[in-house]
Amino acid sequence: MATDRDSVLDAAIGVLSRQPSAALDEIARAAGISRATLHRLFPGRDALVREVATLALRRMDAALDSATIDRGDPVAAVRRLADAVIPNADTAAFLTGESRLFEDNEITAAWDRMDARVCALFLRGQQSGAFRVELPAAWLSEAFFDLLAGVGWAVQEGRLAPRDSTRALTELFLGGALRKD
């Protein structure tokens, strides 16, 4: 029986987003495969983590594409963004929690490109008067992704129902980011 590489990566996201230092045995168990099979797919922990990061960033980038955040009302764009990225909240939790990723130039560059797209949304919202101008757009982007990671962790731990995730993220974020007259 062939092992589906993406399902192994999904299992790794689930484990590593909660416990970045998890043993490869634990990741293999979560994927329903042996450690030997895991090693055949990924020659070591660093290769696995890099593949997980690449998949996570690809999914987040696709979610940004589907949310069309460069169009329309910035507040509505944030809501579309939340709708699009919530299914990937566990990947955001992984990306936020895995500090070794910041040593990889390709991963960092991909993250920076994604972050720049979201920063542009918040800058556009500030220029239109929708978002607070005393909070830098780069910080708003960081706060959004950190809240998204928090949603991912809360859902995994059963502290937040998946069906409440988008509302929880958007209401909390927009409650602090919207400009108040």
N, C-alpha and C. Protein backbone atom coordinates (compact mmCIF):
# COMPACT_ATOMS: atom_id res chain seq x y z
N MET A 1 0.84 -1.19 0.00
CA MET A 1 0.00 0.00 0.00
C MET A 1 0.88 1.24 0.00
N ALA A 2 0.61 2.16 -0.90
CA ALA A 2 1.37 3.40 -0.99
C ALA A 2 0.90 4.36 0.10
N THR A 3 1.85 5.07 0.67
CA THR A 3 1.52 6.05 1.69
C THR A 3 1.33 7.40 1.03
N ASP A 4 0.23 8.04 1.34
CA ASP A 4 -0.06 9.37 0.79
C ASP A 4 0.78 10.40 1.54
N ARG A 5 1.70 11.00 0.84
CA ARG A 5 2.65 11.97 1.41
C ARG A 5 1.92 13.14 2.08
N ASP A 6 0.89 13.68 1.44
CA ASP A 6 0.17 14.82 2.01
C ASP A 6 -0.55 14.45 3.30
N SER A 7 -1.06 13.22 3.41
CA SER A 7 -1.72 12.84 4.66
C SER A 7 -0.70 12.71 5.79
N VAL A 8 0.50 12.30 5.47
CA VAL A 8 1.57 12.27 6.48
C VAL A 8 1.92 13.69 6.89
N LEU A 9 2.01 14.58 5.92
CA LEU A 9 2.30 15.98 6.24
C LEU A 9 1.18 16.60 7.07
N ASP A 10 -0.07 16.27 6.76
CA ASP A 10 -1.19 16.78 7.57
C ASP A 10 -1.10 16.29 9.00
N ALA A 11 -0.76 15.02 9.17
CA ALA A 11 -0.60 14.48 10.53
C ALA A 11 0.55 15.19 11.24
N ALA A 12 1.62 15.45 10.52
CA ALA A 12 2.75 16.16 11.12
C ALA A 12 2.37 17.57 11.53
N ILE A 13 1.56 18.25 10.72
CA ILE A 13 1.08 19.58 11.08
C ILE A 13 0.30 19.51 12.39
N GLY A 14 -0.58 18.53 12.48
CA GLY A 14 -1.38 18.38 13.69
C GLY A 14 -0.53 18.19 14.93
N VAL A 15 0.50 17.37 14.82
CA VAL A 15 1.36 17.10 15.97
C VAL A 15 2.29 18.28 16.25
N LEU A 16 2.98 18.76 15.21
CA LEU A 16 3.99 19.80 15.40
C LEU A 16 3.39 21.16 15.76
N SER A 17 2.15 21.41 15.38
CA SER A 17 1.53 22.69 15.75
C SER A 17 1.25 22.75 17.25
N ARG A 18 1.03 21.59 17.86
CA ARG A 18 0.80 21.52 19.31
C ARG A 18 2.10 21.35 20.08
N GLN A 19 3.02 20.60 19.48
CA GLN A 19 4.26 20.26 20.18
C GLN A 19 5.42 20.29 19.18
N PRO A 20 6.05 21.46 19.01
CA PRO A 20 7.13 21.59 18.01
C PRO A 20 8.29 20.61 18.21
N SER A 21 8.51 20.15 19.42
CA SER A 21 9.63 19.24 19.67
C SER A 21 9.20 17.77 19.69
N ALA A 22 8.05 17.46 19.17
CA ALA A 22 7.55 16.08 19.17
C ALA A 22 8.53 15.14 18.50
N ALA A 23 8.62 13.94 19.03
CA ALA A 23 9.49 12.91 18.47
C ALA A 23 8.93 12.41 17.14
N LEU A 24 9.82 11.95 16.29
CA LEU A 24 9.38 11.41 15.01
C LEU A 24 8.48 10.20 15.19
N ASP A 25 8.70 9.44 16.26
CA ASP A 25 7.81 8.31 16.56
C ASP A 25 6.37 8.77 16.73
N GLU A 26 6.20 9.88 17.43
CA GLU A 26 4.85 10.40 17.67
C GLU A 26 4.20 10.87 16.36
N ILE A 27 4.99 11.49 15.50
CA ILE A 27 4.48 11.94 14.21
C ILE A 27 4.09 10.72 13.36
N ALA A 28 4.94 9.71 13.34
CA ALA A 28 4.64 8.49 12.58
C ALA A 28 3.35 7.84 13.09
N ARG A 29 3.21 7.75 14.43
CA ARG A 29 1.99 7.17 15.01
C ARG A 29 0.76 7.96 14.58
N ALA A 30 0.84 9.28 14.63
CA ALA A 30 -0.30 10.12 14.24
C ALA A 30 -0.65 9.93 12.77
N ALA A 31 0.36 9.64 11.95
CA ALA A 31 0.12 9.42 10.52
C ALA A 31 -0.32 7.98 10.23
N GLY A 32 -0.24 7.11 11.25
CA GLY A 32 -0.63 5.72 11.05
C GLY A 32 0.40 4.92 10.27
N ILE A 33 1.67 5.32 10.39
CA ILE A 33 2.74 4.61 9.68
C ILE A 33 3.86 4.30 10.67
N SER A 34 4.80 3.49 10.24
CA SER A 34 5.95 3.19 11.09
C SER A 34 6.99 4.30 10.95
N ARG A 35 7.89 4.34 11.91
CA ARG A 35 8.97 5.32 11.84
C ARG A 35 9.84 5.05 10.60
N ALA A 36 10.02 3.78 10.25
CA ALA A 36 10.82 3.44 9.06
C ALA A 36 10.17 4.01 7.79
N THR A 37 8.85 3.92 7.71
CA THR A 37 8.14 4.49 6.56
C THR A 37 8.30 6.00 6.54
N LEU A 38 8.20 6.61 7.71
CA LEU A 38 8.39 8.07 7.80
C LEU A 38 9.77 8.44 7.29
N HIS A 39 10.79 7.68 7.67
CA HIS A 39 12.17 7.96 7.22
C HIS A 39 12.35 7.71 5.73
N ARG A 40 11.60 6.77 5.17
CA ARG A 40 11.67 6.58 3.72
C ARG A 40 11.09 7.78 2.99
N LEU A 41 10.07 8.38 3.56
CA LEU A 41 9.45 9.56 2.94
C LEU A 41 10.26 10.83 3.15
N PHE A 42 10.84 10.96 4.34
CA PHE A 42 11.58 12.16 4.73
C PHE A 42 12.86 11.71 5.42
N PRO A 43 14.02 12.05 4.88
CA PRO A 43 15.27 11.52 5.40
C PRO A 43 15.62 11.93 6.84
N GLY A 44 14.93 12.92 7.36
CA GLY A 44 15.20 13.34 8.73
C GLY A 44 14.20 14.39 9.18
N ARG A 45 14.32 14.79 10.42
CA ARG A 45 13.39 15.76 11.01
C ARG A 45 13.40 17.08 10.24
N ASP A 46 14.59 17.58 9.91
CA ASP A 46 14.67 18.85 9.20
C ASP A 46 13.96 18.80 7.86
N ALA A 47 14.12 17.70 7.14
CA ALA A 47 13.44 17.55 5.85
C ALA A 47 11.93 17.51 6.04
N LEU A 48 11.47 16.82 7.06
CA LEU A 48 10.03 16.76 7.34
C LEU A 48 9.49 18.14 7.69
N VAL A 49 10.16 18.84 8.58
CA VAL A 49 9.71 20.17 8.99
C VAL A 49 9.69 21.12 7.80
N ARG A 50 10.69 21.03 6.95
CA ARG A 50 10.74 21.90 5.77
C ARG A 50 9.58 21.59 4.82
N GLU A 51 9.29 20.31 4.61
CA GLU A 51 8.17 19.91 3.75
C GLU A 51 6.83 20.37 4.34
N VAL A 52 6.69 20.24 5.65
CA VAL A 52 5.46 20.71 6.32
C VAL A 52 5.32 22.21 6.13
N ALA A 53 6.41 22.94 6.31
CA ALA A 53 6.36 24.40 6.14
C ALA A 53 6.02 24.79 4.71
N THR A 54 6.59 24.10 3.76
CA THR A 54 6.31 24.38 2.35
C THR A 54 4.83 24.15 2.04
N LEU A 55 4.29 23.04 2.52
CA LEU A 55 2.87 22.76 2.33
C LEU A 55 2.01 23.80 3.04
N ALA A 56 2.36 24.14 4.26
CA ALA A 56 1.59 25.12 5.03
C ALA A 56 1.57 26.47 4.32
N LEU A 57 2.70 26.91 3.85
CA LEU A 57 2.77 28.21 3.15
C LEU A 57 2.02 28.15 1.82
N ARG A 58 2.10 27.03 1.14
CA ARG A 58 1.35 26.89 -0.12
C ARG A 58 -0.15 26.98 0.14
N ARG A 59 -0.62 26.33 1.20
CA ARG A 59 -2.04 26.39 1.54
C ARG A 59 -2.45 27.81 1.96
N MET A 60 -1.62 28.45 2.74
CA MET A 60 -1.96 29.82 3.17
C MET A 60 -1.97 30.76 1.97
N ASP A 61 -1.03 30.60 1.07
CA ASP A 61 -0.99 31.44 -0.12
C ASP A 61 -2.22 31.22 -0.99
N ALA A 62 -2.64 29.97 -1.14
CA ALA A 62 -3.86 29.68 -1.91
C ALA A 62 -5.08 30.28 -1.24
N ALA A 63 -5.11 30.26 0.09
CA ALA A 63 -6.23 30.88 0.82
C ALA A 63 -6.25 32.39 0.58
N LEU A 64 -5.08 33.01 0.56
CA LEU A 64 -5.02 34.45 0.26
C LEU A 64 -5.53 34.73 -1.15
N ASP A 65 -5.14 33.89 -2.09
CA ASP A 65 -5.63 34.05 -3.47
C ASP A 65 -7.15 33.96 -3.52
N SER A 66 -7.72 32.97 -2.84
CA SER A 66 -9.17 32.77 -2.90
C SER A 66 -9.93 33.89 -2.20
N ALA A 67 -9.30 34.55 -1.24
CA ALA A 67 -9.98 35.62 -0.50
C ALA A 67 -9.99 36.94 -1.25
N THR A 68 -9.25 37.04 -2.32
CA THR A 68 -9.15 38.28 -3.11
C THR A 68 -9.08 39.52 -2.20
N ILE A 69 -8.08 39.53 -1.32
CA ILE A 69 -7.97 40.60 -0.33
C ILE A 69 -7.52 41.93 -0.92
N ASP A 70 -7.12 41.93 -2.17
CA ASP A 70 -6.69 43.18 -2.81
C ASP A 70 -7.86 43.92 -3.45
N ARG A 71 -9.08 43.43 -3.25
CA ARG A 71 -10.25 44.05 -3.88
C ARG A 71 -11.32 44.39 -2.84
N GLY A 72 -12.09 45.43 -3.16
CA GLY A 72 -13.26 45.76 -2.37
C GLY A 72 -12.97 46.40 -1.03
N ASP A 73 -14.03 46.49 -0.24
CA ASP A 73 -13.96 47.09 1.08
C ASP A 73 -12.95 46.33 1.95
N PRO A 74 -12.02 47.05 2.60
CA PRO A 74 -11.01 46.38 3.41
C PRO A 74 -11.58 45.55 4.56
N VAL A 75 -12.65 46.00 5.19
CA VAL A 75 -13.24 45.24 6.29
C VAL A 75 -13.86 43.95 5.75
N ALA A 76 -14.54 44.05 4.63
CA ALA A 76 -15.09 42.85 4.00
C ALA A 76 -13.96 41.92 3.56
N ALA A 77 -12.84 42.49 3.12
CA ALA A 77 -11.69 41.68 2.71
C ALA A 77 -11.11 40.92 3.91
N VAL A 78 -11.07 41.55 5.08
CA VAL A 78 -10.59 40.86 6.28
C VAL A 78 -11.53 39.70 6.61
N ARG A 79 -12.81 39.91 6.47
CA ARG A 79 -13.77 38.83 6.73
C ARG A 79 -13.58 37.68 5.72
N ARG A 80 -13.35 38.03 4.45
CA ARG A 80 -13.09 36.99 3.44
C ARG A 80 -11.78 36.27 3.76
N LEU A 81 -10.79 37.04 4.20
CA LEU A 81 -9.51 36.44 4.57
C LEU A 81 -9.68 35.45 5.71
N ALA A 82 -10.42 35.84 6.73
CA ALA A 82 -10.66 34.94 7.86
C ALA A 82 -11.38 33.67 7.40
N ASP A 83 -12.41 33.83 6.56
CA ASP A 83 -13.12 32.66 6.03
C ASP A 83 -12.17 31.73 5.29
N ALA A 84 -11.24 32.32 4.53
CA ALA A 84 -10.34 31.51 3.71
C ALA A 84 -9.24 30.83 4.50
N VAL A 85 -8.75 31.49 5.55
CA VAL A 85 -7.60 30.92 6.27
C VAL A 85 -7.97 30.06 7.47
N ILE A 86 -9.18 30.20 7.99
CA ILE A 86 -9.57 29.40 9.16
C ILE A 86 -9.38 27.90 8.94
N PRO A 87 -9.69 27.35 7.76
CA PRO A 87 -9.42 25.92 7.58
C PRO A 87 -7.93 25.57 7.71
N ASN A 88 -7.07 26.58 7.63
CA ASN A 88 -5.62 26.37 7.75
C ASN A 88 -5.08 26.91 9.07
N ALA A 89 -5.93 27.08 10.06
CA ALA A 89 -5.48 27.64 11.33
C ALA A 89 -4.40 26.78 11.97
N ASP A 90 -4.49 25.46 11.81
CA ASP A 90 -3.45 24.61 12.39
C ASP A 90 -2.12 24.81 11.69
N THR A 91 -2.14 25.13 10.39
CA THR A 91 -0.89 25.40 9.69
C THR A 91 -0.29 26.72 10.18
N ALA A 92 -1.14 27.70 10.46
CA ALA A 92 -0.64 28.96 11.02
C ALA A 92 -0.03 28.72 12.39
N ALA A 93 -0.66 27.85 13.17
CA ALA A 93 -0.11 27.51 14.49
C ALA A 93 1.25 26.85 14.34
N PHE A 94 1.39 25.96 13.36
CA PHE A 94 2.68 25.32 13.11
C PHE A 94 3.72 26.37 12.70
N LEU A 95 3.37 27.21 11.72
CA LEU A 95 4.32 28.21 11.22
C LEU A 95 4.76 29.17 12.32
N THR A 96 3.83 29.52 13.20
CA THR A 96 4.14 30.44 14.28
C THR A 96 5.03 29.77 15.33
N GLY A 97 4.81 28.50 15.57
CA GLY A 97 5.52 27.82 16.66
C GLY A 97 6.85 27.21 16.29
N GLU A 98 7.15 27.08 15.03
CA GLU A 98 8.38 26.40 14.61
C GLU A 98 9.48 27.42 14.33
N SER A 99 10.29 27.73 15.33
CA SER A 99 11.30 28.78 15.21
C SER A 99 12.41 28.44 14.23
N ARG A 100 12.68 27.16 14.00
CA ARG A 100 13.76 26.80 13.07
C ARG A 100 13.45 27.22 11.64
N LEU A 101 12.19 27.48 11.33
CA LEU A 101 11.84 27.87 9.97
C LEU A 101 12.46 29.20 9.58
N PHE A 102 12.71 30.04 10.57
CA PHE A 102 13.24 31.36 10.27
C PHE A 102 14.71 31.33 9.88
N GLU A 103 15.33 30.16 9.98
CA GLU A 103 16.71 29.99 9.54
C GLU A 103 16.77 29.59 8.06
N ASP A 104 15.64 29.27 7.47
CA ASP A 104 15.57 28.82 6.08
C ASP A 104 15.17 30.01 5.20
N ASN A 105 16.08 30.44 4.33
CA ASN A 105 15.85 31.64 3.52
C ASN A 105 14.66 31.52 2.59
N GLU A 106 14.45 30.34 2.00
CA GLU A 106 13.31 30.16 1.10
C GLU A 106 11.99 30.23 1.84
N ILE A 107 11.93 29.61 3.01
CA ILE A 107 10.71 29.64 3.83
C ILE A 107 10.44 31.06 4.30
N THR A 108 11.49 31.74 4.75
CA THR A 108 11.35 33.13 5.21
C THR A 108 10.87 34.02 4.07
N ALA A 109 11.42 33.84 2.88
CA ALA A 109 11.01 34.65 1.73
C ALA A 109 9.54 34.40 1.38
N ALA A 110 9.10 33.15 1.43
CA ALA A 110 7.70 32.83 1.14
C ALA A 110 6.79 33.46 2.19
N TRP A 111 7.18 33.35 3.46
CA TRP A 111 6.40 33.97 4.54
C TRP A 111 6.34 35.49 4.34
N ASP A 112 7.47 36.10 3.99
CA ASP A 112 7.52 37.55 3.78
C ASP A 112 6.60 37.99 2.64
N ARG A 113 6.55 37.20 1.56
CA ARG A 113 5.65 37.54 0.45
C ARG A 113 4.19 37.48 0.90
N MET A 114 3.85 36.46 1.65
CA MET A 114 2.48 36.31 2.14
C MET A 114 2.15 37.46 3.10
N ASP A 115 3.05 37.74 4.01
CA ASP A 115 2.86 38.82 4.97
C ASP A 115 2.70 40.17 4.27
N ALA A 116 3.47 40.39 3.20
CA ALA A 116 3.38 41.66 2.47
C ALA A 116 2.00 41.84 1.85
N ARG A 117 1.40 40.76 1.39
CA ARG A 117 0.05 40.84 0.83
C ARG A 117 -0.96 41.27 1.89
N VAL A 118 -0.84 40.69 3.08
CA VAL A 118 -1.77 41.03 4.16
C VAL A 118 -1.49 42.44 4.67
N CYS A 119 -0.22 42.82 4.77
CA CYS A 119 0.13 44.19 5.16
C CYS A 119 -0.50 45.20 4.20
N ALA A 120 -0.45 44.88 2.91
CA ALA A 120 -1.02 45.78 1.90
C ALA A 120 -2.52 45.96 2.13
N LEU A 121 -3.21 44.91 2.54
CA LEU A 121 -4.63 45.01 2.87
C LEU A 121 -4.83 45.99 4.02
N PHE A 122 -4.04 45.85 5.07
CA PHE A 122 -4.22 46.72 6.22
C PHE A 122 -3.81 48.16 5.92
N LEU A 123 -2.79 48.34 5.11
CA LEU A 123 -2.40 49.69 4.70
C LEU A 123 -3.50 50.33 3.88
N ARG A 124 -4.08 49.56 2.97
CA ARG A 124 -5.21 50.06 2.16
C ARG A 124 -6.38 50.43 3.06
N GLY A 125 -6.63 49.61 4.08
CA GLY A 125 -7.70 49.91 5.03
C GLY A 125 -7.41 51.15 5.85
N GLN A 126 -6.17 51.36 6.20
CA GLN A 126 -5.79 52.59 6.92
C GLN A 126 -5.97 53.80 6.02
N GLN A 127 -5.56 53.70 4.79
CA GLN A 127 -5.68 54.81 3.86
C GLN A 127 -7.13 55.16 3.57
N SER A 128 -8.01 54.17 3.63
CA SER A 128 -9.43 54.41 3.39
C SER A 128 -10.16 54.92 4.64
N GLY A 129 -9.47 54.87 5.79
CA GLY A 129 -10.08 55.30 7.03
C GLY A 129 -10.78 54.19 7.81
N ALA A 130 -10.67 52.95 7.34
CA ALA A 130 -11.36 51.85 8.02
C ALA A 130 -10.59 51.35 9.24
N PHE A 131 -9.26 51.33 9.15
CA PHE A 131 -8.44 50.78 10.23
C PHE A 131 -7.65 51.88 10.93
N ARG A 132 -7.36 51.62 12.17
CA ARG A 132 -6.61 52.56 12.99
C ARG A 132 -5.24 52.83 12.37
N VAL A 133 -4.87 54.10 12.31
CA VAL A 133 -3.60 54.47 11.68
C VAL A 133 -2.45 54.48 12.69
N GLU A 134 -2.76 54.50 13.98
CA GLU A 134 -1.68 54.51 14.97
C GLU A 134 -1.08 53.12 15.19
N LEU A 135 -1.68 52.12 14.58
CA LEU A 135 -1.16 50.76 14.64
C LEU A 135 -0.54 50.44 13.28
N PRO A 136 0.76 50.19 13.22
CA PRO A 136 1.40 49.92 11.91
C PRO A 136 0.75 48.74 11.19
N ALA A 137 0.63 48.86 9.88
CA ALA A 137 0.03 47.80 9.07
C ALA A 137 0.79 46.48 9.27
N ALA A 138 2.11 46.54 9.41
CA ALA A 138 2.89 45.33 9.62
C ALA A 138 2.51 44.67 10.95
N TRP A 139 2.23 45.47 11.95
CA TRP A 139 1.84 44.89 13.24
C TRP A 139 0.43 44.30 13.15
N LEU A 140 -0.47 44.95 12.42
CA LEU A 140 -1.81 44.40 12.23
C LEU A 140 -1.74 43.03 11.55
N SER A 141 -0.86 42.91 10.56
CA SER A 141 -0.68 41.63 9.89
C SER A 141 -0.16 40.58 10.87
N GLU A 142 0.83 40.94 11.65
CA GLU A 142 1.38 40.01 12.64
C GLU A 142 0.30 39.61 13.65
N ALA A 143 -0.47 40.57 14.11
CA ALA A 143 -1.53 40.28 15.08
C ALA A 143 -2.58 39.36 14.48
N PHE A 144 -2.93 39.58 13.22
CA PHE A 144 -3.92 38.72 12.56
C PHE A 144 -3.42 37.28 12.51
N PHE A 145 -2.18 37.08 12.06
CA PHE A 145 -1.65 35.72 11.96
C PHE A 145 -1.47 35.08 13.33
N ASP A 146 -1.10 35.87 14.33
CA ASP A 146 -0.98 35.31 15.69
C ASP A 146 -2.34 34.90 16.24
N LEU A 147 -3.36 35.70 15.98
CA LEU A 147 -4.71 35.31 16.40
C LEU A 147 -5.17 34.05 15.66
N LEU A 148 -4.84 33.97 14.39
CA LEU A 148 -5.18 32.78 13.61
C LEU A 148 -4.51 31.55 14.22
N ALA A 149 -3.25 31.67 14.58
CA ALA A 149 -2.56 30.55 15.24
C ALA A 149 -3.26 30.21 16.55
N GLY A 150 -3.66 31.22 17.30
CA GLY A 150 -4.38 30.98 18.55
C GLY A 150 -5.67 30.24 18.33
N VAL A 151 -6.37 30.57 17.27
CA VAL A 151 -7.59 29.85 16.92
C VAL A 151 -7.26 28.39 16.63
N GLY A 152 -6.18 28.17 15.88
CA GLY A 152 -5.78 26.80 15.57
C GLY A 152 -5.51 26.00 16.83
N TRP A 153 -4.79 26.58 17.78
CA TRP A 153 -4.50 25.89 19.03
C TRP A 153 -5.78 25.67 19.85
N ALA A 154 -6.64 26.69 19.91
CA ALA A 154 -7.86 26.59 20.71
C ALA A 154 -8.79 25.50 20.17
N VAL A 155 -8.88 25.40 18.85
CA VAL A 155 -9.72 24.35 18.25
C VAL A 155 -9.12 22.98 18.55
N GLN A 156 -7.82 22.84 18.37
CA GLN A 156 -7.18 21.55 18.64
C GLN A 156 -7.38 21.10 20.08
N GLU A 157 -7.34 22.04 21.00
CA GLU A 157 -7.47 21.72 22.43
C GLU A 157 -8.93 21.66 22.89
N GLY A 158 -9.88 21.94 22.01
CA GLY A 158 -11.29 21.87 22.35
C GLY A 158 -11.81 23.08 23.12
N ARG A 159 -11.06 24.16 23.12
CA ARG A 159 -11.49 25.38 23.81
C ARG A 159 -12.35 26.28 22.92
N LEU A 160 -12.39 25.98 21.63
CA LEU A 160 -13.17 26.76 20.67
C LEU A 160 -13.74 25.79 19.65
N ALA A 161 -15.03 25.91 19.41
CA ALA A 161 -15.68 25.05 18.42
C ALA A 161 -15.27 25.51 17.02
N PRO A 162 -14.97 24.58 16.12
CA PRO A 162 -14.59 24.98 14.76
C PRO A 162 -15.60 25.91 14.10
N ARG A 163 -16.89 25.67 14.36
CA ARG A 163 -17.92 26.51 13.71
C ARG A 163 -17.88 27.95 14.22
N ASP A 164 -17.29 28.19 15.39
CA ASP A 164 -17.19 29.54 15.95
C ASP A 164 -15.88 30.23 15.60
N SER A 165 -14.99 29.55 14.91
CA SER A 165 -13.63 30.04 14.67
C SER A 165 -13.58 31.35 13.88
N THR A 166 -14.27 31.39 12.76
CA THR A 166 -14.20 32.59 11.92
C THR A 166 -14.75 33.80 12.66
N ARG A 167 -15.89 33.63 13.31
CA ARG A 167 -16.48 34.74 14.05
C ARG A 167 -15.57 35.19 15.19
N ALA A 168 -15.00 34.24 15.91
CA ALA A 168 -14.11 34.59 17.02
C ALA A 168 -12.91 35.38 16.52
N LEU A 169 -12.32 34.94 15.43
CA LEU A 169 -11.16 35.63 14.87
C LEU A 169 -11.52 37.02 14.38
N THR A 170 -12.56 37.12 13.56
CA THR A 170 -12.87 38.43 12.98
C THR A 170 -13.36 39.42 14.02
N GLU A 171 -14.19 38.98 14.94
CA GLU A 171 -14.72 39.92 15.94
C GLU A 171 -13.64 40.44 16.87
N LEU A 172 -12.77 39.54 17.31
CA LEU A 172 -11.70 39.97 18.20
C LEU A 172 -10.72 40.87 17.45
N PHE A 173 -10.33 40.46 16.25
CA PHE A 173 -9.38 41.26 15.49
C PHE A 173 -9.95 42.62 15.11
N LEU A 174 -11.11 42.61 14.48
CA LEU A 174 -11.69 43.87 14.03
C LEU A 174 -12.05 44.78 15.21
N GLY A 175 -12.39 44.18 16.36
CA GLY A 175 -12.68 44.99 17.54
C GLY A 175 -11.52 45.87 17.94
N GLY A 176 -10.31 45.43 17.67
CA GLY A 176 -9.14 46.23 18.00
C GLY A 176 -8.58 47.01 16.82
N ALA A 177 -8.83 46.56 15.61
CA ALA A 177 -8.21 47.18 14.44
C ALA A 177 -9.05 48.28 13.80
N LEU A 178 -10.37 48.22 13.97
CA LEU A 178 -11.22 49.22 13.31
C LEU A 178 -11.02 50.60 13.92
N ARG A 179 -11.04 51.57 13.06
CA ARG A 179 -10.93 52.95 13.51
C ARG A 179 -12.22 53.37 14.18
N LYS A 180 -12.08 54.00 15.32
CA LYS A 180 -13.26 54.47 16.05
C LYS A 180 -13.28 56.00 15.98
N ASP A 181 -14.42 56.53 15.60
CA ASP A 181 -14.52 58.00 15.50
C ASP A 181 -14.89 58.60 16.85
